[in-house]
Structures are given as C-alpha cells and as structure tokens.
C-alpha cells in the first residue's frame, strides 16, 4: 500500500494540476490520521502538547480578523515558500554527502522533524509524513524538470496542505 503511494508521488507528469490533485490526498489523509492519533494519545496521557500557545499568540494592535488574515498568509504562503527554499538547500547539502535516494529523503524528514519540534515537540511527529511526501515529490520534479519545477510543485502542495489544516483550525470558531 505505502509502496503504491510512493510510486504515485514519484511519477511526475506534464500536467501539474493533475499531479497535485493526485498527491494532495496522499499527504492529507495520512496526516489527519497521524495527527488524530497523536492528539488522542497526548490527551489520554494528560500531556499539554503546547498547541494552544501557538494558536493563541496575538500581535498587539491587530484585530482578531486581521490576526486570522496575518496567520493565514504566514501559514499558507510564506511558510511553504521559505520551507521549500530551505528544502532545496538541505538537499544540496545532503547531495554533497553523496547520500543515496532514500538517504536524501530520510535526511530531509529528520531535518524537518527537528526544526518543527523546536517550537512544539509533538509537532515534529505530526509533520513527518507530509515532509516525507514533499521530499519525494521534490526529487521527482527536480529530476523531471529541474529545481524550478520542483520548487513550484512542492510549494503548491505544501500551501494547499497548510490551507486545509489551517481551515480545520477555523472550524471551532465558525461553529460559534
């Protein structure tokens, strides 16, 4: 099953929209399951995951609406662009080490787990699957069309993934 998903992600095709529509569920559905399981385990253990601190951060002088817009732009646009640029740099460094394909992928995942865990330790585990798929997609598109295409496709996948999960954080507010 996982092998079939990986083959799907590795198969870059001329139609970027079709690729993104095919790969996005491969990112989101397992990430939902992983995040749900983590939330359940953390809750059952009575541990404070630290997410509330992130979601309740405010910038003085910004209204709640402006804060939501600022957060959306940061999460959906800025983070994917910056993190995909960082991904390119990490791949460059890992390639200098002459790592094989799966060494490149695992190196990326470990890097992103560590980086995201700096803010909220459990967050690193929650994002591991997404960055596993982003890494495979980056390598597929880099091989097919170069770094520019890899950057564009992975940034788009990352942005749509973040948009989905950011939207989920808004659901409780919309219900009230």
N, C-alpha and C. Protein backbone atom coordinates (compact mmCIF):
# COMPACT_ATOMS: atom_id res chain seq x y z
N UNK A 1 0.82 -1.20 0.00
CA UNK A 1 0.00 0.00 0.00
C UNK A 1 0.87 1.26 0.00
N UNK A 2 1.80 1.36 0.96
CA UNK A 2 2.66 2.54 1.00
C UNK A 2 3.52 2.60 -0.25
N UNK A 3 3.95 1.43 -0.75
CA UNK A 3 4.74 1.40 -1.98
C UNK A 3 3.98 2.00 -3.15
N UNK A 4 2.69 1.71 -3.25
CA UNK A 4 1.87 2.26 -4.33
C UNK A 4 1.74 3.78 -4.19
N UNK A 5 1.60 4.25 -2.96
CA UNK A 5 1.52 5.70 -2.73
C UNK A 5 2.82 6.38 -3.13
N UNK A 6 3.94 5.78 -2.75
CA UNK A 6 5.24 6.35 -3.08
C UNK A 6 5.45 6.37 -4.59
N UNK A 7 5.06 5.30 -5.28
CA UNK A 7 5.19 5.27 -6.75
C UNK A 7 4.35 6.38 -7.38
N UNK A 8 3.18 6.62 -6.82
CA UNK A 8 2.32 7.69 -7.33
C UNK A 8 3.00 9.05 -7.17
N UNK A 9 3.60 9.29 -6.03
CA UNK A 9 4.27 10.57 -5.77
C UNK A 9 5.50 10.72 -6.67
N UNK A 10 6.21 9.63 -6.91
CA UNK A 10 7.44 9.69 -7.72
C UNK A 10 7.15 9.88 -9.21
N UNK A 11 5.90 9.69 -9.62
CA UNK A 11 5.55 9.77 -11.04
C UNK A 11 5.13 11.20 -11.40
N UNK A 12 6.12 12.05 -11.63
CA UNK A 12 5.85 13.43 -12.07
C UNK A 12 5.30 13.36 -13.49
N UNK A 13 4.30 14.16 -13.77
CA UNK A 13 3.70 14.14 -15.10
C UNK A 13 3.60 15.57 -15.63
N UNK A 14 3.38 15.71 -16.94
CA UNK A 14 3.34 17.06 -17.51
C UNK A 14 2.25 17.96 -16.91
N UNK A 15 1.13 17.38 -16.53
CA UNK A 15 0.02 18.16 -16.01
C UNK A 15 0.18 18.34 -14.49
N UNK A 16 0.67 19.50 -14.10
CA UNK A 16 0.93 19.77 -12.68
C UNK A 16 -0.36 19.71 -11.87
N UNK A 17 -1.45 20.24 -12.40
CA UNK A 17 -2.72 20.24 -11.67
C UNK A 17 -3.17 18.81 -11.37
N UNK A 18 -3.06 17.93 -12.36
CA UNK A 18 -3.45 16.52 -12.15
C UNK A 18 -2.56 15.88 -11.10
N UNK A 19 -1.27 16.18 -11.15
CA UNK A 19 -0.33 15.62 -10.17
C UNK A 19 -0.69 16.09 -8.76
N UNK A 20 -0.93 17.38 -8.62
CA UNK A 20 -1.25 17.94 -7.31
C UNK A 20 -2.55 17.33 -6.77
N UNK A 21 -3.56 17.20 -7.62
CA UNK A 21 -4.83 16.61 -7.19
C UNK A 21 -4.67 15.14 -6.82
N UNK A 22 -3.74 14.46 -7.45
CA UNK A 22 -3.49 13.05 -7.15
C UNK A 22 -2.68 12.90 -5.86
N UNK A 23 -1.73 13.79 -5.62
CA UNK A 23 -0.82 13.64 -4.49
C UNK A 23 -1.36 14.29 -3.21
N UNK A 24 -2.13 15.34 -3.32
CA UNK A 24 -2.61 16.04 -2.12
C UNK A 24 -3.35 15.11 -1.14
N UNK A 25 -4.24 14.24 -1.60
CA UNK A 25 -4.87 13.32 -0.64
C UNK A 25 -3.87 12.35 0.00
N UNK A 26 -2.80 12.04 -0.71
CA UNK A 26 -1.76 11.15 -0.16
C UNK A 26 -1.04 11.85 1.00
N UNK A 27 -1.02 13.16 0.96
CA UNK A 27 -0.43 13.93 2.07
C UNK A 27 -1.46 14.09 3.19
N UNK A 28 -2.64 14.57 2.85
CA UNK A 28 -3.62 14.99 3.85
C UNK A 28 -4.24 13.84 4.64
N UNK A 29 -4.67 12.78 3.97
CA UNK A 29 -5.39 11.72 4.67
C UNK A 29 -4.51 11.04 5.73
N UNK A 30 -3.30 10.57 5.39
CA UNK A 30 -2.46 10.00 6.46
C UNK A 30 -2.10 11.03 7.53
N UNK A 31 -1.90 12.29 7.14
CA UNK A 31 -1.57 13.32 8.13
C UNK A 31 -2.72 13.52 9.11
N UNK A 32 -3.95 13.46 8.62
CA UNK A 32 -5.12 13.56 9.50
C UNK A 32 -5.14 12.40 10.49
N UNK A 33 -4.87 11.20 9.99
CA UNK A 33 -4.87 10.02 10.85
C UNK A 33 -3.76 10.13 11.90
N UNK A 34 -2.56 10.48 11.45
CA UNK A 34 -1.43 10.61 12.38
C UNK A 34 -1.71 11.69 13.42
N UNK A 35 -2.19 12.84 12.98
CA UNK A 35 -2.48 13.94 13.91
C UNK A 35 -3.58 13.56 14.89
N UNK A 36 -4.60 12.89 14.38
CA UNK A 36 -5.69 12.45 15.25
C UNK A 36 -5.22 11.47 16.31
N UNK A 37 -4.40 10.51 15.89
CA UNK A 37 -3.85 9.54 16.85
C UNK A 37 -2.96 10.23 17.88
N UNK A 38 -2.12 11.15 17.42
CA UNK A 38 -1.26 11.88 18.35
C UNK A 38 -2.08 12.69 19.35
N UNK A 39 -3.11 13.36 18.86
CA UNK A 39 -3.96 14.16 19.75
C UNK A 39 -4.64 13.26 20.78
N UNK A 40 -5.10 12.10 20.33
CA UNK A 40 -5.75 11.16 21.25
C UNK A 40 -4.78 10.67 22.32
N UNK A 41 -3.59 10.27 21.89
CA UNK A 41 -2.58 9.76 22.83
C UNK A 41 -2.17 10.83 23.83
N UNK A 42 -1.90 12.03 23.33
CA UNK A 42 -1.48 13.13 24.20
C UNK A 42 -2.59 13.46 25.20
N UNK A 43 -3.83 13.49 24.72
CA UNK A 43 -4.96 13.77 25.59
C UNK A 43 -5.14 12.67 26.63
N UNK A 44 -5.03 11.41 26.20
CA UNK A 44 -5.18 10.28 27.13
C UNK A 44 -4.10 10.29 28.20
N UNK A 45 -2.92 10.76 27.84
CA UNK A 45 -1.82 10.82 28.81
C UNK A 45 -1.89 12.07 29.69
N UNK A 46 -2.79 12.99 29.33
CA UNK A 46 -2.92 14.22 30.11
C UNK A 46 -1.77 15.18 29.92
N UNK A 47 -1.11 15.09 28.77
CA UNK A 47 0.05 15.93 28.48
C UNK A 47 -0.41 17.17 27.72
N UNK A 48 0.17 18.31 28.03
CA UNK A 48 -0.10 19.54 27.29
C UNK A 48 0.80 19.56 26.07
N UNK A 49 0.21 19.43 24.89
CA UNK A 49 1.00 19.38 23.65
C UNK A 49 1.61 20.72 23.30
N UNK A 50 1.06 21.81 23.81
CA UNK A 50 1.61 23.13 23.53
C UNK A 50 1.00 23.82 22.34
N UNK A 51 0.03 23.18 21.68
CA UNK A 51 -0.58 23.80 20.50
C UNK A 51 -1.37 25.05 20.86
N UNK A 52 -2.00 25.05 22.02
CA UNK A 52 -2.82 26.20 22.40
C UNK A 52 -2.00 27.48 22.46
N UNK A 53 -0.74 27.37 22.87
CA UNK A 53 0.12 28.55 22.93
C UNK A 53 0.35 29.14 21.54
N UNK A 54 0.52 28.29 20.55
CA UNK A 54 0.74 28.76 19.18
C UNK A 54 -0.52 29.42 18.65
N UNK A 55 -1.66 28.75 18.83
CA UNK A 55 -2.91 29.24 18.26
C UNK A 55 -3.42 30.49 18.95
N UNK A 56 -2.99 30.75 20.17
CA UNK A 56 -3.49 31.92 20.90
C UNK A 56 -2.54 33.11 20.84
N UNK A 57 -1.43 32.98 20.13
CA UNK A 57 -0.50 34.10 20.03
C UNK A 57 -1.19 35.27 19.33
N UNK A 58 -0.92 36.47 19.81
CA UNK A 58 -1.51 37.66 19.23
C UNK A 58 -0.43 38.70 18.97
N UNK A 59 -0.71 39.57 18.03
CA UNK A 59 0.17 40.71 17.76
C UNK A 59 -0.58 41.94 18.24
N UNK A 60 0.01 42.68 19.17
CA UNK A 60 -0.68 43.86 19.71
C UNK A 60 -1.13 44.81 18.59
N UNK A 61 -2.37 45.27 18.70
CA UNK A 61 -2.90 46.21 17.73
C UNK A 61 -3.64 45.58 16.58
N UNK A 62 -3.56 44.26 16.42
CA UNK A 62 -4.28 43.60 15.33
C UNK A 62 -5.62 43.07 15.84
N UNK A 63 -6.66 43.34 15.08
CA UNK A 63 -7.98 42.81 15.42
C UNK A 63 -7.97 41.29 15.20
N UNK A 64 -8.94 40.58 15.75
CA UNK A 64 -9.00 39.13 15.51
C UNK A 64 -9.05 38.78 14.03
N UNK A 65 -9.79 39.56 13.24
CA UNK A 65 -9.86 39.29 11.80
C UNK A 65 -8.49 39.50 11.15
N UNK A 66 -7.83 40.59 11.47
CA UNK A 66 -6.51 40.86 10.89
C UNK A 66 -5.50 39.81 11.35
N UNK A 67 -5.63 39.35 12.59
CA UNK A 67 -4.74 38.30 13.10
C UNK A 67 -4.95 37.01 12.31
N UNK A 68 -6.21 36.69 12.01
CA UNK A 68 -6.51 35.49 11.21
C UNK A 68 -5.92 35.63 9.81
N UNK A 69 -6.06 36.80 9.21
CA UNK A 69 -5.51 37.02 7.87
C UNK A 69 -3.99 36.94 7.90
N UNK A 70 -3.37 37.56 8.90
CA UNK A 70 -1.91 37.50 9.04
C UNK A 70 -1.43 36.06 9.19
N UNK A 71 -2.13 35.30 10.03
CA UNK A 71 -1.76 33.90 10.24
C UNK A 71 -1.94 33.10 8.96
N UNK A 72 -3.05 33.33 8.25
CA UNK A 72 -3.31 32.60 7.00
C UNK A 72 -2.20 32.87 5.98
N UNK A 73 -1.83 34.13 5.82
CA UNK A 73 -0.76 34.47 4.86
C UNK A 73 0.55 33.82 5.29
N UNK A 74 0.84 33.86 6.58
CA UNK A 74 2.08 33.26 7.08
C UNK A 74 2.12 31.76 6.85
N UNK A 75 1.02 31.09 7.17
CA UNK A 75 0.96 29.63 7.11
C UNK A 75 0.80 29.11 5.69
N UNK A 76 -0.02 29.79 4.89
CA UNK A 76 -0.38 29.27 3.57
C UNK A 76 0.55 29.77 2.47
N UNK A 77 1.16 30.93 2.64
CA UNK A 77 2.03 31.46 1.58
C UNK A 77 3.49 31.50 2.01
N UNK A 78 3.77 32.23 3.09
CA UNK A 78 5.18 32.43 3.47
C UNK A 78 5.88 31.14 3.89
N UNK A 79 5.27 30.36 4.77
CA UNK A 79 5.92 29.14 5.26
C UNK A 79 6.24 28.16 4.12
N UNK A 80 5.29 27.88 3.21
CA UNK A 80 5.64 26.95 2.12
C UNK A 80 6.78 27.46 1.24
N UNK A 81 6.79 28.75 0.94
CA UNK A 81 7.87 29.30 0.10
C UNK A 81 9.21 29.20 0.82
N UNK A 82 9.25 29.67 2.06
CA UNK A 82 10.51 29.65 2.82
C UNK A 82 10.98 28.22 3.06
N UNK A 83 10.06 27.36 3.46
CA UNK A 83 10.46 25.98 3.78
C UNK A 83 10.87 25.20 2.54
N UNK A 84 10.27 25.49 1.39
CA UNK A 84 10.71 24.80 0.17
C UNK A 84 12.08 25.30 -0.26
N UNK A 85 12.36 26.58 -0.07
CA UNK A 85 13.72 27.08 -0.33
C UNK A 85 14.72 26.39 0.60
N UNK A 86 14.33 26.25 1.86
CA UNK A 86 15.20 25.55 2.81
C UNK A 86 15.37 24.09 2.40
N UNK A 87 14.30 23.47 1.90
CA UNK A 87 14.38 22.09 1.45
C UNK A 87 15.41 21.95 0.33
N UNK A 88 15.40 22.90 -0.60
CA UNK A 88 16.39 22.87 -1.69
C UNK A 88 17.80 22.94 -1.13
N UNK A 89 18.00 23.81 -0.14
CA UNK A 89 19.33 23.95 0.47
C UNK A 89 19.73 22.68 1.21
N UNK A 90 18.79 22.06 1.91
CA UNK A 90 19.09 20.82 2.62
C UNK A 90 19.43 19.71 1.63
N UNK A 91 18.67 19.61 0.54
CA UNK A 91 19.00 18.61 -0.49
C UNK A 91 20.40 18.86 -1.05
N UNK A 92 20.74 20.12 -1.26
CA UNK A 92 22.08 20.44 -1.77
C UNK A 92 23.14 19.91 -0.81
N UNK A 93 22.95 20.17 0.48
CA UNK A 93 23.91 19.70 1.48
C UNK A 93 23.96 18.18 1.57
N UNK A 94 22.79 17.55 1.53
CA UNK A 94 22.74 16.09 1.61
C UNK A 94 23.38 15.44 0.38
N UNK A 95 23.20 16.08 -0.78
CA UNK A 95 23.81 15.54 -2.00
C UNK A 95 25.34 15.65 -1.95
N UNK A 96 25.84 16.69 -1.29
CA UNK A 96 27.29 16.83 -1.12
C UNK A 96 27.85 15.66 -0.31
N UNK A 97 27.00 15.07 0.53
CA UNK A 97 27.41 13.92 1.35
C UNK A 97 27.32 12.61 0.56
N UNK A 98 26.89 12.71 -0.71
CA UNK A 98 26.78 11.54 -1.60
C UNK A 98 25.81 10.49 -1.07
N UNK A 99 24.72 10.94 -0.45
CA UNK A 99 23.73 10.02 0.08
C UNK A 99 22.90 9.42 -1.06
N UNK A 100 22.46 8.17 -0.92
CA UNK A 100 21.56 7.58 -1.91
C UNK A 100 20.17 8.22 -1.80
N UNK A 101 19.29 7.87 -2.72
CA UNK A 101 17.95 8.45 -2.79
C UNK A 101 17.25 8.46 -1.43
N UNK A 102 17.13 7.29 -0.80
CA UNK A 102 16.39 7.21 0.46
C UNK A 102 17.13 7.92 1.59
N UNK A 103 18.43 8.05 1.48
CA UNK A 103 19.19 8.83 2.45
C UNK A 103 18.82 10.31 2.36
N UNK A 104 18.61 10.77 1.12
CA UNK A 104 18.17 12.16 0.91
C UNK A 104 16.80 12.39 1.53
N UNK A 105 15.89 11.45 1.29
CA UNK A 105 14.53 11.59 1.81
C UNK A 105 14.53 11.55 3.34
N UNK A 106 15.19 10.56 3.91
CA UNK A 106 15.22 10.43 5.37
C UNK A 106 15.94 11.63 6.00
N UNK A 107 17.00 12.10 5.37
CA UNK A 107 17.71 13.28 5.87
C UNK A 107 16.79 14.49 5.95
N UNK A 108 15.98 14.68 4.91
CA UNK A 108 15.01 15.79 4.92
C UNK A 108 14.01 15.63 6.05
N UNK A 109 13.45 14.43 6.17
CA UNK A 109 12.42 14.21 7.19
C UNK A 109 12.98 14.47 8.59
N UNK A 110 14.17 13.97 8.85
CA UNK A 110 14.79 14.19 10.16
C UNK A 110 15.02 15.69 10.40
N UNK A 111 15.48 16.40 9.38
CA UNK A 111 15.69 17.84 9.49
C UNK A 111 14.39 18.55 9.87
N UNK A 112 13.30 18.22 9.17
CA UNK A 112 12.03 18.91 9.40
C UNK A 112 11.39 18.52 10.72
N UNK A 113 11.56 17.26 11.12
CA UNK A 113 11.06 16.86 12.45
C UNK A 113 11.78 17.69 13.51
N UNK A 114 13.09 17.78 13.40
CA UNK A 114 13.87 18.53 14.39
C UNK A 114 13.47 20.00 14.40
N UNK A 115 13.35 20.60 13.23
CA UNK A 115 13.04 22.02 13.14
C UNK A 115 11.66 22.33 13.71
N UNK A 116 10.66 21.54 13.34
CA UNK A 116 9.31 21.80 13.84
C UNK A 116 9.18 21.46 15.32
N UNK A 117 9.98 20.54 15.80
CA UNK A 117 9.92 20.16 17.22
C UNK A 117 10.50 21.24 18.13
N UNK A 118 11.25 22.17 17.58
CA UNK A 118 11.80 23.26 18.39
C UNK A 118 10.68 24.10 19.00
N UNK A 119 9.60 24.28 18.25
CA UNK A 119 8.50 25.11 18.75
C UNK A 119 7.55 24.29 19.62
N UNK A 120 7.13 23.13 19.11
CA UNK A 120 6.24 22.23 19.85
C UNK A 120 6.75 20.82 19.59
N UNK A 121 7.29 20.15 20.61
CA UNK A 121 7.92 18.84 20.39
C UNK A 121 7.09 17.84 19.60
N UNK A 122 5.81 17.72 19.89
CA UNK A 122 5.00 16.72 19.20
C UNK A 122 4.70 17.11 17.76
N UNK A 123 4.83 18.38 17.45
CA UNK A 123 4.57 18.87 16.10
C UNK A 123 5.50 18.18 15.10
N UNK A 124 6.72 17.93 15.49
CA UNK A 124 7.67 17.27 14.60
C UNK A 124 7.18 15.92 14.12
N UNK A 125 6.53 15.18 15.00
CA UNK A 125 5.99 13.88 14.60
C UNK A 125 4.81 14.08 13.66
N UNK A 126 3.99 15.07 13.95
CA UNK A 126 2.81 15.34 13.14
C UNK A 126 3.11 15.71 11.71
N UNK A 127 4.24 16.35 11.47
CA UNK A 127 4.57 16.80 10.11
C UNK A 127 5.46 15.82 9.35
N UNK A 128 5.89 14.77 10.00
CA UNK A 128 6.85 13.84 9.37
C UNK A 128 6.32 13.28 8.05
N UNK A 129 5.06 12.84 8.03
CA UNK A 129 4.51 12.24 6.80
C UNK A 129 4.49 13.26 5.67
N UNK A 130 4.00 14.47 5.96
CA UNK A 130 3.92 15.49 4.90
C UNK A 130 5.29 15.77 4.31
N UNK A 131 6.30 15.90 5.15
CA UNK A 131 7.64 16.19 4.63
C UNK A 131 8.28 14.98 3.95
N UNK A 132 7.87 13.80 4.31
CA UNK A 132 8.28 12.59 3.60
C UNK A 132 7.78 12.67 2.15
N UNK A 133 6.50 13.01 1.99
CA UNK A 133 5.92 13.13 0.65
C UNK A 133 6.47 14.34 -0.08
N UNK A 134 6.60 15.49 0.58
CA UNK A 134 7.19 16.67 -0.06
C UNK A 134 8.58 16.34 -0.60
N UNK A 135 9.36 15.60 0.16
CA UNK A 135 10.73 15.26 -0.25
C UNK A 135 10.74 14.38 -1.48
N UNK A 136 9.88 13.38 -1.51
CA UNK A 136 9.79 12.50 -2.68
C UNK A 136 9.33 13.29 -3.89
N UNK A 137 8.33 14.15 -3.70
CA UNK A 137 7.83 14.98 -4.80
C UNK A 137 8.92 15.92 -5.31
N UNK A 138 9.66 16.52 -4.40
CA UNK A 138 10.74 17.43 -4.81
C UNK A 138 11.74 16.69 -5.69
N UNK A 139 12.17 15.53 -5.25
CA UNK A 139 13.15 14.76 -6.02
C UNK A 139 12.60 14.34 -7.38
N UNK A 140 11.32 13.97 -7.42
CA UNK A 140 10.71 13.56 -8.69
C UNK A 140 10.68 14.72 -9.68
N UNK A 141 10.26 15.88 -9.21
CA UNK A 141 10.16 17.03 -10.10
C UNK A 141 11.52 17.63 -10.41
N UNK A 142 12.45 17.55 -9.51
CA UNK A 142 13.81 18.02 -9.77
C UNK A 142 14.43 17.19 -10.90
N UNK A 143 14.20 15.89 -10.85
CA UNK A 143 14.72 15.01 -11.89
C UNK A 143 14.03 15.26 -13.22
N UNK A 144 12.72 15.51 -13.19
CA UNK A 144 11.95 15.69 -14.42
C UNK A 144 12.19 17.05 -15.07
N UNK A 145 12.11 18.12 -14.27
CA UNK A 145 12.14 19.44 -14.87
C UNK A 145 13.08 20.43 -14.22
N UNK A 146 13.84 19.99 -13.25
CA UNK A 146 14.80 20.87 -12.60
C UNK A 146 14.27 21.47 -11.31
N UNK A 147 15.15 22.22 -10.67
CA UNK A 147 14.86 22.78 -9.36
C UNK A 147 13.67 23.74 -9.38
N UNK A 148 13.51 24.50 -10.45
CA UNK A 148 12.39 25.44 -10.53
C UNK A 148 11.05 24.75 -10.48
N UNK A 149 10.91 23.67 -11.26
CA UNK A 149 9.65 22.92 -11.22
C UNK A 149 9.46 22.25 -9.87
N UNK A 150 10.52 21.69 -9.33
CA UNK A 150 10.44 21.04 -8.02
C UNK A 150 9.98 22.06 -6.97
N UNK A 151 10.57 23.24 -7.00
CA UNK A 151 10.20 24.29 -6.05
C UNK A 151 8.72 24.65 -6.19
N UNK A 152 8.27 24.86 -7.43
CA UNK A 152 6.88 25.26 -7.66
C UNK A 152 5.88 24.22 -7.22
N UNK A 153 6.11 22.97 -7.60
CA UNK A 153 5.15 21.91 -7.28
C UNK A 153 5.11 21.66 -5.77
N UNK A 154 6.26 21.58 -5.13
CA UNK A 154 6.28 21.30 -3.70
C UNK A 154 5.73 22.48 -2.90
N UNK A 155 6.01 23.70 -3.33
CA UNK A 155 5.43 24.87 -2.66
C UNK A 155 3.91 24.83 -2.76
N UNK A 156 3.40 24.48 -3.93
CA UNK A 156 1.95 24.40 -4.11
C UNK A 156 1.34 23.29 -3.24
N UNK A 157 1.95 22.11 -3.23
CA UNK A 157 1.46 21.02 -2.38
C UNK A 157 1.47 21.45 -0.90
N UNK A 158 2.56 22.06 -0.49
CA UNK A 158 2.72 22.49 0.90
C UNK A 158 1.66 23.56 1.24
N UNK A 159 1.47 24.51 0.34
CA UNK A 159 0.49 25.58 0.59
C UNK A 159 -0.92 25.02 0.71
N UNK A 160 -1.29 24.10 -0.18
CA UNK A 160 -2.63 23.51 -0.12
C UNK A 160 -2.81 22.65 1.13
N UNK A 161 -1.77 21.93 1.51
CA UNK A 161 -1.81 21.15 2.75
C UNK A 161 -2.03 22.09 3.94
N UNK A 162 -1.26 23.16 4.00
CA UNK A 162 -1.39 24.11 5.11
C UNK A 162 -2.75 24.81 5.10
N UNK A 163 -3.26 25.11 3.90
CA UNK A 163 -4.58 25.73 3.79
C UNK A 163 -5.64 24.80 4.37
N UNK A 164 -5.56 23.52 4.05
CA UNK A 164 -6.52 22.55 4.57
C UNK A 164 -6.48 22.52 6.10
N UNK A 165 -5.28 22.36 6.65
CA UNK A 165 -5.17 22.25 8.11
C UNK A 165 -5.46 23.58 8.80
N UNK A 166 -5.11 24.70 8.18
CA UNK A 166 -5.48 26.00 8.75
C UNK A 166 -6.99 26.14 8.76
N UNK A 167 -7.64 25.71 7.69
CA UNK A 167 -9.10 25.74 7.65
C UNK A 167 -9.72 24.93 8.77
N UNK A 168 -9.11 23.79 9.08
CA UNK A 168 -9.61 22.98 10.20
C UNK A 168 -9.54 23.73 11.52
N UNK A 169 -8.50 24.55 11.70
CA UNK A 169 -8.39 25.30 12.96
C UNK A 169 -9.48 26.37 13.07
N UNK A 170 -10.05 26.78 11.93
CA UNK A 170 -11.10 27.80 11.96
C UNK A 170 -12.47 27.22 12.24
N UNK A 171 -12.64 25.91 12.06
CA UNK A 171 -13.96 25.30 12.23
C UNK A 171 -14.59 25.56 13.60
N UNK A 172 -13.84 25.41 14.70
CA UNK A 172 -14.47 25.69 16.00
C UNK A 172 -14.97 27.13 16.12
N UNK A 173 -14.23 28.08 15.55
CA UNK A 173 -14.65 29.48 15.59
C UNK A 173 -15.91 29.70 14.76
N UNK A 174 -16.00 28.99 13.64
CA UNK A 174 -17.15 29.15 12.75
C UNK A 174 -18.41 28.52 13.36
N UNK A 175 -18.24 27.54 14.22
CA UNK A 175 -19.37 26.84 14.82
C UNK A 175 -20.05 27.68 15.91
N UNK A 176 -19.35 28.70 16.40
CA UNK A 176 -19.94 29.51 17.48
C UNK A 176 -20.63 30.74 16.96
